[in-house]
Protein backbone atom coordinates (compact mmCIF):
# COMPACT_ATOMS: atom_id res chain seq x y z
CA MET A 1 35.70 30.26 -27.97
CA PRO A 2 32.57 32.53 -27.93
CA ARG A 3 30.10 29.47 -27.87
CA SER A 4 31.78 27.95 -25.06
CA GLY A 5 31.94 31.34 -23.28
CA HIS A 6 28.15 31.81 -24.04
CA PHE A 7 27.42 28.42 -22.66
CA GLU A 8 29.50 29.02 -19.49
CA THR A 9 27.54 32.45 -19.29
CA ALA A 10 24.26 30.70 -19.51
CA VAL A 11 25.09 28.06 -16.72
CA PHE A 12 26.31 30.72 -14.64
CA LEU A 13 23.21 32.95 -15.02
CA CYS A 14 20.99 29.85 -14.64
CA ASN A 15 22.51 28.91 -11.18
CA GLU A 16 22.59 32.91 -10.16
CA VAL A 17 18.62 32.78 -11.02
CA LYS A 18 18.14 29.46 -9.03
CA ARG A 19 19.77 31.31 -5.95
CA SER A 20 18.00 34.50 -6.45
CA GLN A 21 14.82 32.55 -6.53
CA LYS A 22 15.38 30.64 -3.38
CA PHE A 23 16.41 33.99 -1.61
CA THR A 24 13.19 35.74 -3.08
CA ALA A 25 10.91 32.83 -1.72
CA GLN A 26 12.74 33.21 1.63
CA MET A 27 12.24 36.88 1.59
CA PHE A 28 8.49 36.37 0.51
CA ILE A 29 7.81 33.97 3.36
CA ALA A 30 9.54 36.09 5.83
CA GLN A 31 7.30 39.26 4.66
CA MET A 32 4.11 37.11 4.90
CA TRP A 33 5.02 35.85 8.52
CA GLY A 34 5.86 39.34 9.32
CA LYS A 35 2.47 40.55 8.19
CA LYS A 36 0.64 37.99 9.90
CA LEU A 37 2.50 38.67 13.15
CA LYS A 38 1.87 42.43 12.82
CA LEU A 39 -1.99 41.53 12.40
């Protein structure tokens, strides 16, 4: 049971990381454009 649980957790964390990376990229792009518009 622990192994399958760890595997499910690893998959879940991997998906969360992918989501957070996409979100972070969007925030980074938004900040970059914000700086360009302010300048």
